[in-house]
Amino acid sequence: MPISPLDMEGDLSELAQMARIAFLTVFEVIGDTEFHRSGDGGQVFEVVSHDLTPDGVARAMFAVGHVEDMIRALQKKLNLD
């Protein structure tokens, strides 16, 4: 069954909102983390100092995982899986 433009707009809006929440959660969690870039083209990131906690990392992983789940659900709804 095809998805209506209104449903598509709603799904994309929810996805964008959750992605923003995930971004803010990750930003809050890594906050004062200091990275050093190395490797060819600076593609390797080494953590120099951090204030990461297991709880913060779990919250960030949950938020990002939820966005992934929403994308997969939308793909299934659009028969793209």
Protein backbone atom coordinates (compact mmCIF):
# COMPACT_ATOMS: atom_id res chain seq x y z
CA MET A 1 0.00 0.00 0.00
CA PRO A 2 1.51 3.37 -0.98
CA ILE A 3 2.23 5.92 1.71
CA SER A 4 0.39 9.22 1.51
CA PRO A 5 2.35 12.47 1.21
CA LEU A 6 0.91 13.57 4.55
CA ASP A 7 2.09 10.36 6.26
CA MET A 8 5.50 10.72 4.61
CA GLU A 9 5.78 14.30 5.85
CA GLY A 10 4.83 13.21 9.37
CA ASP A 11 7.32 10.33 9.38
CA LEU A 12 10.13 12.54 8.09
CA SER A 13 9.30 15.24 10.62
CA GLU A 14 9.42 12.72 13.49
CA LEU A 15 12.68 11.33 12.15
CA ALA A 16 14.22 14.80 11.91
CA GLN A 17 13.12 15.63 15.46
CA MET A 18 14.58 12.41 16.85
CA ALA A 19 17.81 12.93 14.91
CA ARG A 20 18.11 16.39 16.46
CA ILE A 21 17.51 14.95 19.93
CA ALA A 22 20.14 12.28 19.27
CA PHE A 23 22.60 14.93 18.07
CA LEU A 24 22.05 17.03 21.21
CA THR A 25 22.36 13.96 23.44
CA VAL A 26 25.64 12.92 21.83
CA PHE A 27 26.91 16.51 22.00
CA GLU A 28 26.02 16.69 25.70
CA VAL A 29 27.69 13.35 26.41
CA ILE A 30 30.95 14.07 24.62
CA GLY A 31 30.93 17.74 25.76
CA ASP A 32 34.46 18.40 26.94
CA THR A 33 36.03 15.38 25.28
CA GLU A 34 39.29 16.35 23.64
CA PHE A 35 40.30 14.55 20.45
CA HIS A 36 43.55 14.38 18.52
CA ARG A 37 43.28 13.67 14.80
CA SER A 38 45.91 11.50 13.18
CA GLY A 39 46.35 9.08 10.33
CA ASP A 40 46.05 9.67 6.61
CA GLY A 41 43.84 12.72 6.12
CA GLY A 42 43.08 12.99 9.84
CA GLN A 43 40.62 10.09 9.72
CA VAL A 44 41.71 8.59 13.05
CA PHE A 45 40.45 10.22 16.26
CA GLU A 46 42.27 9.54 19.51
CA VAL A 47 40.70 10.64 22.79
CA VAL A 48 43.11 12.83 24.75
CA SER A 49 40.86 13.55 27.75
CA HIS A 50 37.19 13.00 28.56
CA ASP A 51 34.44 13.10 31.17
CA LEU A 52 32.51 10.20 29.66
CA THR A 53 30.38 8.06 31.94
CA PRO A 54 28.79 4.68 31.22
CA ASP A 55 25.35 6.25 31.75
CA GLY A 56 26.06 9.06 29.28
CA VAL A 57 27.41 6.67 26.67
CA ALA A 58 24.35 4.42 27.11
CA ARG A 59 22.01 7.42 26.63
CA ALA A 60 23.84 8.46 23.47
CA MET A 61 23.80 4.93 22.07
CA PHE A 62 20.07 4.59 22.82
CA ALA A 63 19.28 7.90 21.08
CA VAL A 64 21.28 7.01 17.97
CA GLY A 65 19.86 3.47 17.95
CA HIS A 66 16.34 4.89 18.11
CA VAL A 67 17.02 7.01 15.01
CA GLU A 68 18.34 3.91 13.25
CA ASP A 69 15.16 2.01 14.18
CA MET A 70 13.01 4.86 12.85
CA ILE A 71 14.91 4.86 9.54
CA ARG A 72 14.52 1.09 9.20
CA ALA A 73 10.78 1.35 9.94
CA LEU A 74 10.43 4.04 7.27
CA GLN A 75 12.39 1.92 4.79
CA LYS A 76 10.05 -1.00 5.49
CA LYS A 77 7.01 1.25 5.11
CA LEU A 78 8.36 2.39 1.73
CA ASN A 79 9.30 -1.18 0.75
CA LEU A 80 12.99 -0.20 0.49
CA ASP A 81 14.39 -2.91 2.72
